[in-house]
């Protein structure tokens, strides 16, 4: 069942003023402000799937977070995931602090444009690694999905928050997005997520793909951070991915800017803009600029990150 179809069912069975239902139009408007393309075809916008692929909540962070995940497609293959989420804004009793969180998935570098202060500028594509001991991808799509799920179950991990408390990561049983008929050499693929025990917020993205190179099929994978906490991921008890905050890997982006997160604005639940938030190297948590005040000038395009 599609996300919007699910909302119609919920509307018939429950109250019409749930937070997710109220905020969905706001989230969609936010993600529609982006335009993505690959570096080899910068004038050809990638397709945004306007139906969110996942809705999540985290009741313990920042007074309770709630958001949705969107996918951008390149010839049927996920090129990026963008999460738009919100939490209470203490400065505004009726306000929700809107945060953007994105990760590039395409092997090619993405060109991202957005007319706003806060910017996401990936500097490379996402590399895959072969899973040499995973066997040969099956011929039937259903059998390949079983294989992908089995491979994904071999990945475990944990997150460490800023107070050095560890949170176990668990695999969501269903992929966020499956693409069994993508082009450009991919026979099949799926994007899975590892979430923390604190809620259902995706913390690590796990891409698993069956590829055909010269008639030889093989499995490949890639991990991507989707959190501002320290992350460590193992496959069969061997560490295969880590993201440890530091000078070269600050909480709001990774060294190649494949990952990016920033608080962007504060809105009322009806979508009314209350304030904008500008992130800078001096104020990584953002400078709040109420809408009634004169907005400071945006930085030049080449400096926005």
C-alpha atoms as a PDB file:
ATOM      1  CA  UNK A   1       0.000   0.000   0.000  1.00  0.00           C
ATOM      2  CA  UNK A   2       1.350   3.439  -0.928  1.00  0.00           C
ATOM      3  CA  UNK A   3       1.999   6.079   1.713  1.00  0.00           C
ATOM      4  CA  UNK A   4      -0.758   8.432   0.607  1.00  0.00           C
ATOM      5  CA  UNK A   5      -3.207   5.529   0.310  1.00  0.00           C
ATOM      6  CA  UNK A   6      -2.286   4.603   3.862  1.00  0.00           C
ATOM      7  CA  UNK A   7      -3.109   8.118   5.013  1.00  0.00           C
ATOM      8  CA  UNK A   8      -6.566   7.823   3.476  1.00  0.00           C
ATOM      9  CA  UNK A   9      -7.179   4.626   5.410  1.00  0.00           C
ATOM     10  CA  UNK A  10      -5.980   6.223   8.628  1.00  0.00           C
ATOM     11  CA  UNK A  11      -8.200   9.241   8.021  1.00  0.00           C
ATOM     12  CA  UNK A  12     -11.238   6.961   7.937  1.00  0.00           C
ATOM     13  CA  UNK A  13     -10.254   5.085  11.095  1.00  0.00           C
ATOM     14  CA  UNK A  14      -8.670   7.699  13.333  1.00  0.00           C
ATOM     15  CA  UNK A  15      -8.437  11.388  14.208  1.00  0.00           C
ATOM     16  CA  UNK A  16      -7.687  13.730  11.320  1.00  0.00           C
ATOM     17  CA  UNK A  17      -5.176  15.849  13.232  1.00  0.00           C
ATOM     18  CA  UNK A  18      -2.270  13.464  13.811  1.00  0.00           C
ATOM     19  CA  UNK A  19       1.161  15.059  13.632  1.00  0.00           C
ATOM     20  CA  UNK A  20       2.292  13.033  10.619  1.00  0.00           C
ATOM     21  CA  UNK A  21      -0.798  13.935   8.636  1.00  0.00           C
ATOM     22  CA  UNK A  22      -0.404  17.620   9.472  1.00  0.00           C
ATOM     23  CA  UNK A  23       3.278  17.799   8.642  1.00  0.00           C
ATOM     24  CA  UNK A  24       3.375  15.752   5.440  1.00  0.00           C
ATOM     25  CA  UNK A  25       2.505  18.703   3.124  1.00  0.00           C
ATOM     26  CA  UNK A  26       5.257  20.733   4.841  1.00  0.00           C
ATOM     27  CA  UNK A  27       7.813  17.961   4.332  1.00  0.00           C
ATOM     28  CA  UNK A  28       6.864  17.551   0.672  1.00  0.00           C
ATOM     29  CA  UNK A  29       7.231  21.282   0.030  1.00  0.00           C
ATOM     30  CA  UNK A  30      10.686  21.209   1.601  1.00  0.00           C
ATOM     31  CA  UNK A  31      12.008  18.335  -0.508  1.00  0.00           C
ATOM     32  CA  UNK A  32      10.501  19.775  -3.701  1.00  0.00           C
ATOM     33  CA  UNK A  33      12.765  22.813  -3.288  1.00  0.00           C
ATOM     34  CA  UNK A  34      15.756  20.661  -4.274  1.00  0.00           C
ATOM     35  CA  UNK A  35      16.872  19.792  -7.791  1.00  0.00           C
ATOM     36  CA  UNK A  36      19.279  16.872  -8.244  1.00  0.00           C
ATOM     37  CA  UNK A  37      21.238  15.698 -11.287  1.00  0.00           C
ATOM     38  CA  UNK A  38      24.324  13.598 -11.962  1.00  0.00           C
ATOM     39  CA  UNK A  39      27.548  15.335 -12.944  1.00  0.00           C
ATOM     40  CA  UNK A  40      27.572  13.812 -16.452  1.00  0.00           C
ATOM     41  CA  UNK A  41      24.100  15.233 -17.184  1.00  0.00           C
ATOM     42  CA  UNK A  42      23.751  18.343 -14.984  1.00  0.00           C
ATOM     43  CA  UNK A  43      20.818  19.757 -16.972  1.00  0.00           C
ATOM     44  CA  UNK A  44      18.703  16.602 -16.652  1.00  0.00           C
ATOM     45  CA  UNK A  45      16.915  16.617 -13.274  1.00  0.00           C
ATOM     46  CA  UNK A  46      16.581  13.326 -11.455  1.00  0.00           C
ATOM     47  CA  UNK A  47      13.134  12.039 -10.561  1.00  0.00           C
ATOM     48  CA  UNK A  48      11.816  12.741  -7.082  1.00  0.00           C
ATOM     49  CA  UNK A  49       9.395  10.117  -5.819  1.00  0.00           C
ATOM     50  CA  UNK A  50       6.909  12.410  -4.106  1.00  0.00           C
ATOM     51  CA  UNK A  51       5.404   9.550  -2.147  1.00  0.00           C
ATOM     52  CA  UNK A  52       7.557   9.012   0.976  1.00  0.00           C
ATOM     53  CA  UNK A  53       9.076   5.556   1.245  1.00  0.00           C
ATOM     54  CA  UNK A  54       9.130   5.558   5.046  1.00  0.00           C
ATOM     55  CA  UNK A  55       7.673   7.395   8.040  1.00  0.00           C
ATOM     56  CA  UNK A  56       9.493   7.260  11.370  1.00  0.00           C
ATOM     57  CA  UNK A  57       9.505   8.634  14.904  1.00  0.00           C
ATOM     58  CA  UNK A  58      11.987   8.999  17.735  1.00  0.00           C
ATOM     59  CA  UNK A  59      10.201   9.928  20.975  1.00  0.00           C
ATOM     60  CA  UNK A  60      13.333  10.541  23.075  1.00  0.00           C
ATOM     61  CA  UNK A  61      15.319  13.034  20.973  1.00  0.00           C
ATOM     62  CA  UNK A  62      14.693  16.802  21.091  1.00  0.00           C
ATOM     63  CA  UNK A  63      11.276  16.491  22.635  1.00  0.00           C
ATOM     64  CA  UNK A  64      10.094  13.939  20.087  1.00  0.00           C
ATOM     65  CA  UNK A  65      11.090  13.762  16.428  1.00  0.00           C
ATOM     66  CA  UNK A  66       8.881  12.683  13.512  1.00  0.00           C
ATOM     67  CA  UNK A  67       9.670  12.611   9.822  1.00  0.00           C
ATOM     68  CA  UNK A  68       9.556  10.925   6.453  1.00  0.00           C
ATOM     69  CA  UNK A  69      12.085   9.701   3.886  1.00  0.00           C
ATOM     70  CA  UNK A  70      11.960  10.518   0.173  1.00  0.00           C
ATOM     71  CA  UNK A  71      13.939   8.893  -2.652  1.00  0.00           C
ATOM     72  CA  UNK A  72      15.458  10.409  -5.782  1.00  0.00           C
ATOM     73  CA  UNK A  73      15.809   8.068  -8.776  1.00  0.00           C
ATOM     74  CA  UNK A  74      18.368   7.826 -11.576  1.00  0.00           C
ATOM     75  CA  UNK A  75      17.031   5.499 -14.282  1.00  0.00           C
ATOM     76  CA  UNK A  76      15.094   3.599 -11.623  1.00  0.00           C
ATOM     77  CA  UNK A  77      18.047   3.317  -9.246  1.00  0.00           C
ATOM     78  CA  UNK A  78      18.076   5.328  -5.984  1.00  0.00           C
ATOM     79  CA  UNK A  79      20.421   8.281  -6.406  1.00  0.00           C
ATOM     80  CA  UNK A  80      19.788   9.840  -2.991  1.00  0.00           C
ATOM     81  CA  UNK A  81      17.597   9.669   0.080  1.00  0.00           C
ATOM     82  CA  UNK A  82      16.325  12.851   1.706  1.00  0.00           C
ATOM     83  CA  UNK A  83      14.745  12.831   5.134  1.00  0.00           C
ATOM     84  CA  UNK A  84      12.673  15.805   6.273  1.00  0.00           C
ATOM     85  CA  UNK A  85      11.760  15.724   9.946  1.00  0.00           C
ATOM     86  CA  UNK A  86      10.648  17.986  12.761  1.00  0.00           C
ATOM     87  CA  UNK A  87      10.763  18.399  16.526  1.00  0.00           C
ATOM     88  CA  UNK A  88       9.309  20.959  18.942  1.00  0.00           C
ATOM     89  CA  UNK A  89      10.910  24.413  18.808  1.00  0.00           C
ATOM     90  CA  UNK A  90      11.158  25.778  22.382  1.00  0.00           C
ATOM     91  CA  UNK A  91      11.412  29.380  21.125  1.00  0.00           C
ATOM     92  CA  UNK A  92       7.956  29.139  19.511  1.00  0.00           C
ATOM     93  CA  UNK A  93       5.137  27.409  21.467  1.00  0.00           C
ATOM     94  CA  UNK A  94       3.351  26.411  18.270  1.00  0.00           C
ATOM     95  CA  UNK A  95       6.525  25.786  16.289  1.00  0.00           C
ATOM     96  CA  UNK A  96       8.192  22.732  14.779  1.00  0.00           C
ATOM     97  CA  UNK A  97      11.899  22.877  13.934  1.00  0.00           C
ATOM     98  CA  UNK A  98      12.326  21.483  10.402  1.00  0.00           C
ATOM     99  CA  UNK A  99      15.548  19.594   9.729  1.00  0.00           C
ATOM    100  CA  UNK A 100      16.874  18.232   6.432  1.00  0.00           C
ATOM    101  CA  UNK A 101      19.041  15.109   6.244  1.00  0.00           C
ATOM    102  CA  UNK A 102      20.308  13.699   2.936  1.00  0.00           C
ATOM    103  CA  UNK A 103      22.728  11.091   1.623  1.00  0.00           C
ATOM    104  CA  UNK A 104      23.985  10.510  -1.920  1.00  0.00           C
ATOM    105  CA  UNK A 105      23.648   6.909  -3.136  1.00  0.00           C
ATOM    106  CA  UNK A 106      24.531   7.196  -6.819  1.00  0.00           C
ATOM    107  CA  UNK A 107      28.033   6.023  -7.814  1.00  0.00           C
ATOM    108  CA  UNK A 108      28.332   9.281  -9.768  1.00  0.00           C
ATOM    109  CA  UNK A 109      28.761  12.669  -8.127  1.00  0.00           C
ATOM    110  CA  UNK A 110      25.484  14.545  -7.702  1.00  0.00           C
ATOM    111  CA  UNK A 111      24.830  18.155  -8.620  1.00  0.00           C
ATOM    112  CA  UNK A 112      22.410  19.603  -6.067  1.00  0.00           C
ATOM    113  CA  UNK A 113      20.796  23.028  -6.339  1.00  0.00           C
ATOM    114  CA  UNK A 114      18.580  24.785  -3.824  1.00  0.00           C
ATOM    115  CA  UNK A 115      17.752  28.476  -3.475  1.00  0.00           C
ATOM    116  CA  UNK A 116      18.375  28.839   0.251  1.00  0.00           C
ATOM    117  CA  UNK A 117      21.045  29.583   2.838  1.00  0.00           C
ATOM    118  CA  UNK A 118      21.760  26.003   3.792  1.00  0.00           C
ATOM    119  CA  UNK A 119      23.268  23.859   1.063  1.00  0.00           C
ATOM    120  CA  UNK A 120      24.174  20.251   0.333  1.00  0.00           C
ATOM    121  CA  UNK A 121      27.061  19.828  -2.117  1.00  0.00           C
ATOM    122  CA  UNK A 122      28.273  16.211  -2.511  1.00  0.00           C
ATOM    123  CA  UNK A 123      31.876  15.970  -3.647  1.00  0.00           C
ATOM    124  CA  UNK A 124      31.896  12.347  -4.861  1.00  0.00           C
ATOM    125  CA  UNK A 125      29.723   9.327  -5.562  1.00  0.00           C
ATOM    126  CA  UNK A 126      29.053   6.409  -3.238  1.00  0.00           C
ATOM    127  CA  UNK A 127      31.415   3.484  -3.810  1.00  0.00           C
ATOM    128  CA  UNK A 128      30.237  -0.130  -3.640  1.00  0.00           C
ATOM    129  CA  UNK A 129      32.207  -3.151  -2.426  1.00  0.00           C
ATOM    130  CA  UNK A 130      31.795  -6.724  -3.612  1.00  0.00           C
ATOM    131  CA  UNK A 131      30.403  -9.351  -1.236  1.00  0.00           C
ATOM    132  CA  UNK A 132      32.527 -12.202  -2.499  1.00  0.00           C
ATOM    133  CA  UNK A 133      31.101 -14.872  -0.182  1.00  0.00           C
ATOM    134  CA  UNK A 134      27.395 -14.138  -0.756  1.00  0.00           C
ATOM    135  CA  UNK A 135      26.843 -16.583  -3.602  1.00  0.00           C
ATOM    136  CA  UNK A 136      25.411 -15.883  -7.055  1.00  0.00           C
ATOM    137  CA  UNK A 137      22.274 -13.732  -7.462  1.00  0.00           C
ATOM    138  CA  UNK A 138      19.254 -15.878  -8.325  1.00  0.00           C
ATOM    139  CA  UNK A 139      17.414 -15.586 -11.634  1.00  0.00           C
ATOM    140  CA  UNK A 140      13.954 -14.923 -10.151  1.00  0.00           C
ATOM    141  CA  UNK A 141      13.191 -11.549  -8.485  1.00  0.00           C
ATOM    142  CA  UNK A 142      11.444 -13.211  -5.536  1.00  0.00           C
ATOM    143  CA  UNK A 143      14.431 -15.427  -4.844  1.00  0.00           C
ATOM    144  CA  UNK A 144      16.789 -12.444  -5.103  1.00  0.00           C
ATOM    145  CA  UNK A 145      14.744 -10.570  -2.500  1.00  0.00           C
ATOM    146  CA  UNK A 146      15.139 -13.526  -0.136  1.00  0.00           C
ATOM    147  CA  UNK A 147      18.893 -13.420  -0.773  1.00  0.00           C
ATOM    148  CA  UNK A 148      19.096  -9.669  -0.157  1.00  0.00           C
ATOM    149  CA  UNK A 149      17.220  -9.949   3.109  1.00  0.00           C
ATOM    150  CA  UNK A 150      19.509 -12.755   4.232  1.00  0.00           C
ATOM    151  CA  UNK A 151      22.592 -10.684   3.376  1.00  0.00           C
ATOM    152  CA  UNK A 152      21.160  -7.624   5.146  1.00  0.00           C
ATOM    153  CA  UNK A 153      20.545  -9.655   8.303  1.00  0.00           C
ATOM    154  CA  UNK A 154      24.298 -10.254   8.542  1.00  0.00           C
ATOM    155  CA  UNK A 155      24.863  -6.542   9.260  1.00  0.00           C
ATOM    156  CA  UNK A 156      24.665  -5.307  12.859  1.00  0.00           C
ATOM    157  CA  UNK A 157      25.948  -2.267  14.667  1.00  0.00           C
ATOM    158  CA  UNK A 158      25.574   0.366  17.318  1.00  0.00           C
ATOM    159  CA  UNK A 159      25.378   4.138  17.669  1.00  0.00           C
ATOM    160  CA  UNK A 160      27.032   6.203  20.390  1.00  0.00           C
ATOM    161  CA  UNK A 161      25.413   9.480  21.404  1.00  0.00           C
ATOM    162  CA  UNK A 162      27.162  12.622  22.651  1.00  0.00           C
ATOM    163  CA  UNK A 163      26.899  11.398  26.247  1.00  0.00           C
ATOM    164  CA  UNK A 164      28.785   8.233  25.171  1.00  0.00           C
ATOM    165  CA  UNK A 165      25.737   6.042  25.665  1.00  0.00           C
ATOM    166  CA  UNK A 166      25.529   3.167  23.181  1.00  0.00           C
ATOM    167  CA  UNK A 167      22.378   2.280  21.298  1.00  0.00           C
ATOM    168  CA  UNK A 168      22.038  -1.032  19.493  1.00  0.00           C
ATOM    169  CA  UNK A 169      21.073  -0.875  15.837  1.00  0.00           C
ATOM    170  CA  UNK A 170      18.542  -3.282  14.353  1.00  0.00           C
ATOM    171  CA  UNK A 171      17.631  -3.995  10.774  1.00  0.00           C
ATOM    172  CA  UNK A 172      14.188  -3.017   9.557  1.00  0.00           C
ATOM    173  CA  UNK A 173      12.676  -6.229   8.111  1.00  0.00           C
ATOM    174  CA  UNK A 174      11.516  -4.622   4.858  1.00  0.00           C
ATOM    175  CA  UNK A 175      13.735  -2.464   2.627  1.00  0.00           C
ATOM    176  CA  UNK A 176      13.024   1.246   2.401  1.00  0.00           C
ATOM    177  CA  UNK A 177      13.087   0.893  -1.388  1.00  0.00           C
ATOM    178  CA  UNK A 178      13.411  -2.038  -3.798  1.00  0.00           C
ATOM    179  CA  UNK A 179      14.358  -1.701  -7.471  1.00  0.00           C
ATOM    180  CA  UNK A 180      14.257  -5.062  -9.287  1.00  0.00           C
ATOM    181  CA  UNK A 181      14.136  -3.508 -12.767  1.00  0.00           C
ATOM    182  CA  UNK A 182      16.637  -0.654 -12.632  1.00  0.00           C
ATOM    183  CA  UNK A 183      18.884   0.172 -15.556  1.00  0.00           C
ATOM    184  CA  UNK A 184      22.634   0.846 -15.823  1.00  0.00           C
ATOM    185  CA  UNK A 185      23.926  -2.623 -14.996  1.00  0.00           C
ATOM    186  CA  UNK A 186      21.898  -3.318 -11.866  1.00  0.00           C
ATOM    187  CA  UNK A 187      19.958  -6.586 -11.955  1.00  0.00           C
ATOM    188  CA  UNK A 188      18.268  -5.950  -8.628  1.00  0.00           C
ATOM    189  CA  UNK A 189      18.749  -3.858  -5.536  1.00  0.00           C
ATOM    190  CA  UNK A 190      17.322  -2.608  -2.292  1.00  0.00           C
ATOM    191  CA  UNK A 191      18.043   0.069   0.298  1.00  0.00           C
ATOM    192  CA  UNK A 192      17.732  -1.219   3.854  1.00  0.00           C
ATOM    193  CA  UNK A 193      18.013   0.723   7.103  1.00  0.00           C
ATOM    194  CA  UNK A 194      19.473   0.062  10.514  1.00  0.00           C
ATOM    195  CA  UNK A 195      17.535   1.887  13.229  1.00  0.00           C
ATOM    196  CA  UNK A 196      18.294   2.454  16.897  1.00  0.00           C
ATOM    197  CA  UNK A 197      16.354   0.984  19.783  1.00  0.00           C
ATOM    198  CA  UNK A 198      15.238   4.535  20.625  1.00  0.00           C
ATOM    199  CA  UNK A 199      12.711   4.583  17.777  1.00  0.00           C
ATOM    200  CA  UNK A 200      12.412   3.892  14.074  1.00  0.00           C
ATOM    201  CA  UNK A 201      14.681   6.677  12.818  1.00  0.00           C
ATOM    202  CA  UNK A 202      17.078   5.276  10.166  1.00  0.00           C
ATOM    203  CA  UNK A 203      20.653   5.689  11.437  1.00  0.00           C
ATOM    204  CA  UNK A 204      22.570   3.694   8.790  1.00  0.00           C
ATOM    205  CA  UNK A 205      21.661   3.096   5.153  1.00  0.00           C
ATOM    206  CA  UNK A 206      22.564  -0.275   3.663  1.00  0.00           C
ATOM    207  CA  UNK A 207      22.515  -0.628  -0.128  1.00  0.00           C
ATOM    208  CA  UNK A 208      22.611  -4.186  -1.503  1.00  0.00           C
ATOM    209  CA  UNK A 209      22.745  -4.715  -5.275  1.00  0.00           C
ATOM    210  CA  UNK A 210      23.014  -7.589  -7.720  1.00  0.00           C
ATOM    211  CA  UNK A 211      25.108  -6.504 -10.699  1.00  0.00           C
ATOM    212  CA  UNK A 212      25.921  -8.094 -14.028  1.00  0.00           C
ATOM    213  CA  UNK A 213      29.355  -7.340 -15.414  1.00  0.00           C
ATOM    214  CA  UNK A 214      30.213  -9.142 -18.631  1.00  0.00           C
ATOM    215  CA  UNK A 215      27.722 -11.927 -17.954  1.00  0.00           C
ATOM    216  CA  UNK A 216      28.983 -12.510 -14.429  1.00  0.00           C
ATOM    217  CA  UNK A 217      26.523 -11.719 -11.645  1.00  0.00           C
ATOM    218  CA  UNK A 218      27.726 -10.659  -8.222  1.00  0.00           C
ATOM    219  CA  UNK A 219      26.539  -8.980  -5.036  1.00  0.00           C
ATOM    220  CA  UNK A 220      27.754  -5.554  -3.920  1.00  0.00           C
ATOM    221  CA  UNK A 221      26.960  -3.366  -0.931  1.00  0.00           C
ATOM    222  CA  UNK A 222      27.523   0.117   0.452  1.00  0.00           C
ATOM    223  CA  UNK A 223      26.842   1.729   3.825  1.00  0.00           C
ATOM    224  CA  UNK A 224      26.008   5.349   4.444  1.00  0.00           C
ATOM    225  CA  UNK A 225      25.581   7.317   7.628  1.00  0.00           C
ATOM    226  CA  UNK A 226      22.158   8.815   8.277  1.00  0.00           C
ATOM    227  CA  UNK A 227      22.839  10.155  11.754  1.00  0.00           C
ATOM    228  CA  UNK A 228      24.893  12.788  13.562  1.00  0.00           C
ATOM    229  CA  UNK A 229      26.031  10.235  16.159  1.00  0.00           C
ATOM    230  CA  UNK A 230      29.050   7.936  16.100  1.00  0.00           C
ATOM    231  CA  UNK A 231      28.226   4.798  14.115  1.00  0.00           C
ATOM    232  CA  UNK A 232      29.863   1.394  13.786  1.00  0.00           C
ATOM    233  CA  UNK A 233      28.607  -1.440  11.579  1.00  0.00           C
ATOM    234  CA  UNK A 234      29.761  -5.045  11.435  1.00  0.00           C
ATOM    235  CA  UNK A 235      29.104  -7.881   9.030  1.00  0.00           C
ATOM    236  CA  UNK A 236      29.553 -11.293  10.614  1.00  0.00           C
ATOM    237  CA  UNK A 237      31.289  -9.578  13.572  1.00  0.00           C
ATOM    238  CA  UNK A 238      33.860  -7.812  11.348  1.00  0.00           C
ATOM    239  CA  UNK A 239      33.644  -4.029  11.206  1.00  0.00           C
ATOM    240  CA  UNK A 240      32.881  -2.864   7.678  1.00  0.00           C
ATOM    241  CA  UNK A 241      31.780   0.747   8.243  1.00  0.00           C
ATOM    242  CA  UNK A 242      32.279   3.472  10.811  1.00  0.00           C
ATOM    243  CA  UNK A 243      31.550   7.162  11.172  1.00  0.00           C
ATOM    244  CA  UNK A 244      33.304   8.789  14.111  1.00  0.00           C
ATOM    245  CA  UNK A 245      32.747  12.534  14.642  1.00  0.00           C
ATOM    246  CA  UNK A 246      35.864  14.651  14.475  1.00  0.00           C
ATOM    247  CA  UNK A 247      37.439  17.661  12.809  1.00  0.00           C
ATOM    248  CA  UNK A 248      37.275  16.068   9.342  1.00  0.00           C
ATOM    249  CA  UNK A 249      33.930  14.391  10.017  1.00  0.00           C
ATOM    250  CA  UNK A 250      31.746  16.875  11.908  1.00  0.00           C
ATOM    251  CA  UNK A 251      28.217  16.004  12.915  1.00  0.00           C
ATOM    252  CA  UNK A 252      26.572  17.892  10.038  1.00  0.00           C
ATOM    253  CA  UNK A 253      28.494  16.344   7.110  1.00  0.00           C
ATOM    254  CA  UNK A 254      31.078  13.712   6.254  1.00  0.00           C
ATOM    255  CA  UNK A 255      34.446  14.398   4.559  1.00  0.00           C
ATOM    256  CA  UNK A 256      33.041  14.099   1.012  1.00  0.00           C
ATOM    257  CA  UNK A 257      29.677  15.666   1.851  1.00  0.00           C
ATOM    258  CA  UNK A 258      27.815  12.546   0.766  1.00  0.00           C
ATOM    259  CA  UNK A 259      25.892  13.075   4.002  1.00  0.00           C
ATOM    260  CA  UNK A 260      24.480  16.438   5.044  1.00  0.00           C
ATOM    261  CA  UNK A 261      22.093  17.585   7.748  1.00  0.00           C
ATOM    262  CA  UNK A 262      20.943  21.010   8.922  1.00  0.00           C
ATOM    263  CA  UNK A 263      18.043  22.631  10.718  1.00  0.00           C
ATOM    264  CA  UNK A 264      16.448  24.912   8.132  1.00  0.00           C
ATOM    265  CA  UNK A 265      13.399  26.680   9.522  1.00  0.00           C
ATOM    266  CA  UNK A 266      10.676  26.775  12.157  1.00  0.00           C
ATOM    267  CA  UNK A 267       7.058  26.451  11.075  1.00  0.00           C
ATOM    268  CA  UNK A 268       3.647  26.115  12.686  1.00  0.00           C
ATOM    269  CA  UNK A 269       1.864  22.803  12.129  1.00  0.00           C
ATOM    270  CA  UNK A 270      -0.267  24.517   9.487  1.00  0.00           C
ATOM    271  CA  UNK A 271       2.915  25.261   7.527  1.00  0.00           C
ATOM    272  CA  UNK A 272       3.112  28.968   8.422  1.00  0.00           C
ATOM    273  CA  UNK A 273       6.751  30.129   8.471  1.00  0.00           C
ATOM    274  CA  UNK A 274       7.840  31.420  11.889  1.00  0.00           C
ATOM    275  CA  UNK A 275      11.610  31.683  11.458  1.00  0.00           C
ATOM    276  CA  UNK A 276      14.486  30.648   9.240  1.00  0.00           C
ATOM    277  CA  UNK A 277      17.645  28.955  10.480  1.00  0.00           C
ATOM    278  CA  UNK A 278      21.040  29.647   8.928  1.00  0.00           C
ATOM    279  CA  UNK A 279      23.899  27.276   9.629  1.00  0.00           C
ATOM    280  CA  UNK A 280      27.493  28.498   9.532  1.00  0.00           C
ATOM    281  CA  UNK A 281      30.905  27.297  10.645  1.00  0.00           C
ATOM    282  CA  UNK A 282      30.539  29.551  13.680  1.00  0.00           C
ATOM    283  CA  UNK A 283      26.993  28.410  14.464  1.00  0.00           C
ATOM    284  CA  UNK A 284      26.665  24.800  13.381  1.00  0.00           C
ATOM    285  CA  UNK A 285      23.363  24.462  15.233  1.00  0.00           C
ATOM    286  CA  UNK A 286      22.073  27.453  13.331  1.00  0.00           C
ATOM    287  CA  UNK A 287      21.194  31.093  13.767  1.00  0.00           C
ATOM    288  CA  UNK A 288      17.460  31.630  14.187  1.00  0.00           C
ATOM    289  CA  UNK A 289      16.143  34.562  12.155  1.00  0.00           C
ATOM    290  CA  UNK A 290      12.469  35.389  12.836  1.00  0.00           C
ATOM    291  CA  UNK A 291      10.569  36.186   9.656  1.00  0.00           C
ATOM    292  CA  UNK A 292       9.669  39.681  10.831  1.00  0.00           C
ATOM    293  CA  UNK A 293      13.358  40.588  10.992  1.00  0.00           C
ATOM    294  CA  UNK A 294      15.372  41.483   7.930  1.00  0.00           C
ATOM    295  CA  UNK A 295      17.045  38.360   6.627  1.00  0.00           C
ATOM    296  CA  UNK A 296      20.856  38.500   6.332  1.00  0.00           C
ATOM    297  CA  UNK A 297      22.234  38.012   2.810  1.00  0.00           C
ATOM    298  CA  UNK A 298      22.917  34.497   1.594  1.00  0.00           C
ATOM    299  CA  UNK A 299      26.486  33.408   1.100  1.00  0.00           C
ATOM    300  CA  UNK A 300      27.820  33.033  -2.453  1.00  0.00           C
ATOM    301  CA  UNK A 301      26.803  29.804  -4.172  1.00  0.00           C
ATOM    302  CA  UNK A 302      30.297  28.324  -4.159  1.00  0.00           C
ATOM    303  CA  UNK A 303      30.606  28.733  -0.382  1.00  0.00           C
ATOM    304  CA  UNK A 304      27.307  27.127   0.595  1.00  0.00           C
ATOM    305  CA  UNK A 305      27.668  23.845   2.432  1.00  0.00           C
END
